[in-house]
Amino acid sequence: VQLVESGGGLVQAGGSLRLSCVASGSIFSIRDMGWDRQAPGKEREPVASITRGGDTDYVDSVKGRFTISRDNVNNTLYLEMNRLKPEDTARYYCVATAGLTGQNEYWGQGTQVTVFS
């Protein structure tokens, strides 16, 4: 499975961005997908996840501002980010689990999101 992210950029606080992640390869084996982020000097943290059936979960700090969705036909994952804050600045990574039990995990190269006040 290969994952390629896009959509990051520089945005003023309060603004919006939409991240995309296109999956290719053994896409039939993909189960859950999600977005993680890592800010400089900090641990990588899960931001949002979505099952193949569409169930979603979010870290508390983004609830009500971010929306994750997936298009299983076009093998694309999205993250709509609204009311962005400087603390959302990080590199955002697309993540996918695959295999019969989701035992395999794949990561993209990431896309940078920078929010300035």
N, C-alpha and C. Protein backbone atom coordinates (compact mmCIF):
# COMPACT_ATOMS: atom_id res chain seq x y z
N VAL A 1 0.85 -1.19 0.00
CA VAL A 1 0.00 0.00 0.00
C VAL A 1 0.89 1.24 0.00
N GLN A 2 0.59 2.15 -0.91
CA GLN A 2 1.30 3.44 -0.96
C GLN A 2 0.30 4.54 -0.67
N LEU A 3 0.75 5.52 0.10
CA LEU A 3 -0.12 6.63 0.51
C LEU A 3 0.57 7.94 0.15
N VAL A 4 -0.14 8.82 -0.52
CA VAL A 4 0.43 10.11 -0.92
C VAL A 4 -0.51 11.23 -0.46
N GLU A 5 0.01 12.08 0.42
CA GLU A 5 -0.78 13.19 0.96
C GLU A 5 -0.58 14.46 0.13
N SER A 6 -1.56 15.34 0.22
CA SER A 6 -1.48 16.66 -0.39
C SER A 6 -2.42 17.59 0.36
N GLY A 7 -2.27 18.88 0.10
CA GLY A 7 -3.21 19.85 0.65
C GLY A 7 -2.70 20.68 1.80
N GLY A 8 -1.51 20.39 2.29
CA GLY A 8 -0.96 21.20 3.36
C GLY A 8 -0.59 22.58 2.87
N GLY A 9 -0.22 23.45 3.82
CA GLY A 9 0.18 24.78 3.44
C GLY A 9 0.26 25.72 4.61
N LEU A 10 0.36 27.01 4.29
CA LEU A 10 0.45 28.08 5.29
C LEU A 10 -0.90 28.78 5.36
N VAL A 11 -1.45 28.91 6.56
CA VAL A 11 -2.77 29.50 6.70
C VAL A 11 -2.83 30.32 7.99
N GLN A 12 -3.61 31.37 7.95
CA GLN A 12 -3.78 32.20 9.13
C GLN A 12 -4.72 31.52 10.11
N ALA A 13 -4.52 31.78 11.39
CA ALA A 13 -5.39 31.21 12.41
C ALA A 13 -6.85 31.56 12.11
N GLY A 14 -7.71 30.58 12.29
CA GLY A 14 -9.12 30.75 11.96
C GLY A 14 -9.48 30.28 10.57
N GLY A 15 -8.46 30.02 9.77
CA GLY A 15 -8.68 29.58 8.41
C GLY A 15 -8.91 28.09 8.29
N SER A 16 -8.97 27.61 7.06
CA SER A 16 -9.29 26.21 6.78
C SER A 16 -8.33 25.62 5.76
N LEU A 17 -8.15 24.32 5.86
CA LEU A 17 -7.40 23.55 4.87
C LEU A 17 -8.06 22.20 4.71
N ARG A 18 -7.88 21.61 3.54
CA ARG A 18 -8.38 20.25 3.31
C ARG A 18 -7.23 19.38 2.85
N LEU A 19 -6.91 18.37 3.64
CA LEU A 19 -5.88 17.42 3.29
C LEU A 19 -6.48 16.24 2.54
N SER A 20 -5.72 15.71 1.60
CA SER A 20 -6.14 14.52 0.86
C SER A 20 -5.04 13.48 0.92
N CYS A 21 -5.42 12.23 0.83
CA CYS A 21 -4.47 11.12 0.80
C CYS A 21 -5.00 10.08 -0.18
N VAL A 22 -4.21 9.84 -1.21
CA VAL A 22 -4.60 8.85 -2.22
C VAL A 22 -3.84 7.55 -1.95
N ALA A 23 -4.57 6.46 -1.87
CA ALA A 23 -3.99 5.15 -1.65
C ALA A 23 -3.89 4.39 -2.95
N SER A 24 -2.81 3.63 -3.08
CA SER A 24 -2.63 2.78 -4.25
C SER A 24 -1.97 1.49 -3.82
N GLY A 25 -1.88 0.54 -4.74
CA GLY A 25 -1.30 -0.75 -4.40
C GLY A 25 -2.38 -1.73 -3.99
N SER A 26 -2.16 -2.43 -2.90
CA SER A 26 -3.11 -3.45 -2.42
C SER A 26 -4.26 -2.81 -1.66
N ILE A 27 -4.98 -1.97 -2.33
CA ILE A 27 -6.03 -1.18 -1.68
C ILE A 27 -7.18 -2.04 -1.17
N PHE A 28 -7.36 -3.21 -1.76
CA PHE A 28 -8.45 -4.09 -1.33
C PHE A 28 -8.25 -4.55 0.10
N SER A 29 -7.02 -4.50 0.58
CA SER A 29 -6.71 -5.00 1.92
C SER A 29 -6.79 -3.92 3.00
N ILE A 30 -7.04 -2.68 2.60
CA ILE A 30 -7.06 -1.58 3.57
C ILE A 30 -8.28 -1.68 4.47
N ARG A 31 -8.09 -1.50 5.75
CA ARG A 31 -9.18 -1.50 6.72
C ARG A 31 -9.38 -0.08 7.25
N ASP A 32 -8.84 0.23 8.38
CA ASP A 32 -8.99 1.57 8.95
C ASP A 32 -7.98 2.54 8.33
N MET A 33 -8.34 3.82 8.29
CA MET A 33 -7.43 4.86 7.85
C MET A 33 -7.50 6.02 8.83
N GLY A 34 -6.49 6.85 8.78
CA GLY A 34 -6.50 7.97 9.71
C GLY A 34 -5.42 8.99 9.40
N TRP A 35 -5.41 10.01 10.21
CA TRP A 35 -4.39 11.07 10.14
C TRP A 35 -3.70 11.18 11.49
N ASP A 36 -2.39 11.18 11.45
CA ASP A 36 -1.58 11.48 12.62
C ASP A 36 -0.85 12.80 12.33
N ARG A 37 -0.32 13.41 13.36
CA ARG A 37 0.49 14.61 13.17
C ARG A 37 1.65 14.62 14.14
N GLN A 38 2.69 15.33 13.74
CA GLN A 38 3.85 15.47 14.60
C GLN A 38 4.39 16.88 14.49
N ALA A 39 4.41 17.57 15.61
CA ALA A 39 4.98 18.91 15.68
C ALA A 39 6.44 18.80 16.10
N PRO A 40 7.25 19.80 15.77
CA PRO A 40 8.67 19.75 16.15
C PRO A 40 8.84 19.57 17.65
N GLY A 41 9.66 18.61 18.03
CA GLY A 41 9.94 18.36 19.43
C GLY A 41 8.85 17.65 20.19
N LYS A 42 7.83 17.20 19.48
CA LYS A 42 6.73 16.51 20.14
C LYS A 42 6.55 15.11 19.58
N GLU A 43 5.84 14.29 20.35
CA GLU A 43 5.52 12.93 19.91
C GLU A 43 4.47 12.98 18.80
N ARG A 44 4.50 11.99 17.95
CA ARG A 44 3.45 11.86 16.95
C ARG A 44 2.15 11.49 17.66
N GLU A 45 1.05 12.13 17.25
CA GLU A 45 -0.23 11.82 17.89
C GLU A 45 -1.30 11.54 16.85
N PRO A 46 -2.17 10.59 17.13
CA PRO A 46 -3.32 10.35 16.26
C PRO A 46 -4.28 11.54 16.33
N VAL A 47 -4.77 11.97 15.19
CA VAL A 47 -5.68 13.11 15.14
C VAL A 47 -7.11 12.65 14.87
N ALA A 48 -7.26 11.78 13.88
CA ALA A 48 -8.59 11.31 13.50
C ALA A 48 -8.45 9.97 12.81
N SER A 49 -9.49 9.16 12.93
CA SER A 49 -9.49 7.86 12.26
C SER A 49 -10.88 7.55 11.75
N ILE A 50 -10.92 6.65 10.78
CA ILE A 50 -12.20 6.25 10.19
C ILE A 50 -12.10 4.79 9.76
N THR A 51 -13.13 4.02 10.10
CA THR A 51 -13.16 2.63 9.70
C THR A 51 -13.64 2.52 8.25
N ARG A 52 -13.54 1.33 7.70
CA ARG A 52 -14.02 1.14 6.33
C ARG A 52 -15.53 1.40 6.26
N GLY A 53 -16.20 1.14 7.37
CA GLY A 53 -17.64 1.36 7.41
C GLY A 53 -18.04 2.80 7.69
N GLY A 54 -17.06 3.65 8.01
CA GLY A 54 -17.36 5.06 8.20
C GLY A 54 -17.43 5.54 9.63
N ASP A 55 -17.15 4.69 10.60
CA ASP A 55 -17.13 5.14 11.99
C ASP A 55 -15.88 5.99 12.22
N THR A 56 -16.06 7.12 12.90
CA THR A 56 -14.95 8.06 13.07
C THR A 56 -14.60 8.28 14.54
N ASP A 57 -13.39 8.75 14.75
CA ASP A 57 -12.92 9.08 16.10
C ASP A 57 -11.93 10.23 15.96
N TYR A 58 -11.91 11.10 16.97
CA TYR A 58 -11.05 12.28 16.94
C TYR A 58 -10.37 12.49 18.28
N VAL A 59 -9.19 13.06 18.25
CA VAL A 59 -8.56 13.51 19.48
C VAL A 59 -9.36 14.72 19.98
N ASP A 60 -9.44 14.87 21.28
CA ASP A 60 -10.30 15.92 21.85
C ASP A 60 -9.99 17.31 21.31
N SER A 61 -8.73 17.60 21.07
CA SER A 61 -8.33 18.96 20.69
C SER A 61 -8.85 19.40 19.32
N VAL A 62 -9.32 18.45 18.50
CA VAL A 62 -9.81 18.82 17.16
C VAL A 62 -11.30 18.57 16.99
N LYS A 63 -11.93 18.00 17.99
CA LYS A 63 -13.37 17.71 17.88
C LYS A 63 -14.15 18.99 17.62
N GLY A 64 -15.06 18.92 16.66
CA GLY A 64 -15.86 20.08 16.30
C GLY A 64 -15.19 20.99 15.28
N ARG A 65 -13.91 20.76 15.00
CA ARG A 65 -13.19 21.60 14.02
C ARG A 65 -12.73 20.80 12.81
N PHE A 66 -12.34 19.54 13.02
CA PHE A 66 -11.85 18.69 11.94
C PHE A 66 -12.89 17.63 11.59
N THR A 67 -12.92 17.26 10.32
CA THR A 67 -13.80 16.19 9.86
C THR A 67 -13.02 15.25 8.95
N ILE A 68 -13.02 13.98 9.30
CA ILE A 68 -12.37 12.97 8.47
C ILE A 68 -13.41 12.26 7.63
N SER A 69 -13.05 11.94 6.40
CA SER A 69 -13.96 11.20 5.52
C SER A 69 -13.12 10.39 4.54
N ARG A 70 -13.76 9.40 3.94
CA ARG A 70 -13.05 8.58 2.96
C ARG A 70 -13.96 8.23 1.80
N ASP A 71 -13.36 8.15 0.64
CA ASP A 71 -14.06 7.76 -0.58
C ASP A 71 -13.46 6.42 -0.99
N ASN A 72 -14.17 5.35 -0.66
CA ASN A 72 -13.65 4.01 -0.93
C ASN A 72 -13.62 3.69 -2.41
N VAL A 73 -14.42 4.37 -3.20
CA VAL A 73 -14.42 4.13 -4.64
C VAL A 73 -13.14 4.68 -5.27
N ASN A 74 -12.77 5.90 -4.85
CA ASN A 74 -11.58 6.55 -5.40
C ASN A 74 -10.35 6.40 -4.51
N ASN A 75 -10.49 5.59 -3.45
CA ASN A 75 -9.35 5.27 -2.58
C ASN A 75 -8.68 6.53 -2.03
N THR A 76 -9.50 7.44 -1.57
CA THR A 76 -8.98 8.71 -1.09
C THR A 76 -9.51 9.01 0.32
N LEU A 77 -8.62 9.48 1.15
CA LEU A 77 -8.94 9.89 2.51
C LEU A 77 -8.82 11.41 2.59
N TYR A 78 -9.72 12.03 3.36
CA TYR A 78 -9.72 13.49 3.48
C TYR A 78 -9.67 13.88 4.96
N LEU A 79 -9.16 15.09 5.18
CA LEU A 79 -9.27 15.71 6.49
C LEU A 79 -9.61 17.18 6.27
N GLU A 80 -10.84 17.54 6.59
CA GLU A 80 -11.27 18.92 6.50
C GLU A 80 -10.95 19.59 7.83
N MET A 81 -10.14 20.63 7.79
CA MET A 81 -9.70 21.30 9.01
C MET A 81 -10.19 22.74 9.01
N ASN A 82 -11.04 23.07 9.97
CA ASN A 82 -11.60 24.41 10.09
C ASN A 82 -11.17 25.06 11.41
N ARG A 83 -11.30 26.38 11.47
CA ARG A 83 -10.94 27.14 12.68
C ARG A 83 -9.56 26.72 13.17
N LEU A 84 -8.62 26.72 12.27
CA LEU A 84 -7.27 26.26 12.60
C LEU A 84 -6.62 27.18 13.63
N LYS A 85 -5.78 26.56 14.46
CA LYS A 85 -5.08 27.27 15.51
C LYS A 85 -3.58 27.08 15.33
N PRO A 86 -2.76 27.99 15.86
CA PRO A 86 -1.31 27.81 15.74
C PRO A 86 -0.84 26.47 16.30
N GLU A 87 -1.51 25.96 17.32
CA GLU A 87 -1.11 24.67 17.90
C GLU A 87 -1.43 23.49 17.00
N ASP A 88 -2.14 23.73 15.89
CA ASP A 88 -2.36 22.68 14.90
C ASP A 88 -1.19 22.53 13.95
N THR A 89 -0.22 23.44 14.05
CA THR A 89 0.96 23.37 13.19
C THR A 89 1.71 22.07 13.43
N ALA A 90 1.91 21.31 12.35
CA ALA A 90 2.56 20.00 12.44
C ALA A 90 2.68 19.42 11.03
N ARG A 91 3.41 18.33 10.96
CA ARG A 91 3.40 17.56 9.73
C ARG A 91 2.32 16.49 9.90
N TYR A 92 1.43 16.40 8.94
CA TYR A 92 0.30 15.49 9.01
C TYR A 92 0.55 14.28 8.11
N TYR A 93 0.35 13.11 8.70
CA TYR A 93 0.62 11.86 8.01
C TYR A 93 -0.67 11.06 7.83
N CYS A 94 -0.82 10.51 6.65
CA CYS A 94 -1.90 9.59 6.36
C CYS A 94 -1.46 8.19 6.81
N VAL A 95 -2.36 7.47 7.46
CA VAL A 95 -2.05 6.15 8.00
C VAL A 95 -3.13 5.18 7.55
N ALA A 96 -2.72 3.97 7.23
CA ALA A 96 -3.69 2.94 6.86
C ALA A 96 -3.29 1.62 7.47
N THR A 97 -4.29 0.88 7.93
CA THR A 97 -4.04 -0.49 8.38
C THR A 97 -4.61 -1.42 7.33
N ALA A 98 -3.95 -2.55 7.14
CA ALA A 98 -4.36 -3.48 6.09
C ALA A 98 -4.11 -4.91 6.56
N GLY A 99 -4.66 -5.83 5.81
CA GLY A 99 -4.52 -7.24 6.16
C GLY A 99 -5.77 -7.74 6.84
N LEU A 100 -5.87 -9.06 6.97
CA LEU A 100 -7.08 -9.69 7.52
C LEU A 100 -7.43 -9.16 8.91
N THR A 101 -6.42 -8.90 9.70
CA THR A 101 -6.65 -8.41 11.06
C THR A 101 -6.11 -7.00 11.26
N GLY A 102 -5.83 -6.32 10.16
CA GLY A 102 -5.26 -4.98 10.27
C GLY A 102 -3.86 -4.98 10.83
N GLN A 103 -3.14 -6.06 10.63
CA GLN A 103 -1.84 -6.21 11.25
C GLN A 103 -0.75 -5.40 10.56
N ASN A 104 -1.00 -4.96 9.35
CA ASN A 104 0.01 -4.18 8.62
C ASN A 104 -0.36 -2.70 8.67
N GLU A 105 0.63 -1.87 8.90
CA GLU A 105 0.41 -0.43 8.99
C GLU A 105 1.29 0.28 7.97
N TYR A 106 0.68 1.26 7.31
CA TYR A 106 1.38 2.00 6.27
C TYR A 106 1.26 3.50 6.55
N TRP A 107 2.32 4.23 6.15
CA TRP A 107 2.37 5.66 6.36
C TRP A 107 2.73 6.39 5.07
N GLY A 108 2.21 7.59 4.90
CA GLY A 108 2.65 8.42 3.81
C GLY A 108 3.86 9.24 4.23
N GLN A 109 4.32 10.12 3.34
CA GLN A 109 5.48 10.96 3.63
C GLN A 109 5.10 12.20 4.43
N GLY A 110 3.83 12.51 4.46
CA GLY A 110 3.37 13.64 5.25
C GLY A 110 3.23 14.91 4.44
N THR A 111 2.43 15.82 4.96
CA THR A 111 2.26 17.14 4.37
C THR A 111 2.27 18.17 5.50
N GLN A 112 2.98 19.26 5.29
CA GLN A 112 3.17 20.24 6.35
C GLN A 112 2.00 21.22 6.43
N VAL A 113 1.52 21.43 7.64
CA VAL A 113 0.49 22.44 7.91
C VAL A 113 1.08 23.44 8.89
N THR A 114 1.08 24.70 8.51
CA THR A 114 1.60 25.76 9.37
C THR A 114 0.52 26.83 9.55
N VAL A 115 0.17 27.07 10.79
CA VAL A 115 -0.87 28.05 11.11
C VAL A 115 -0.23 29.21 11.86
N PHE A 116 -0.36 30.41 11.32
CA PHE A 116 0.23 31.59 11.95
C PHE A 116 -0.86 32.49 12.50
N SER A 117 -0.53 33.19 13.58
CA SER A 117 -1.51 34.08 14.22
C SER A 117 -1.33 35.53 13.79
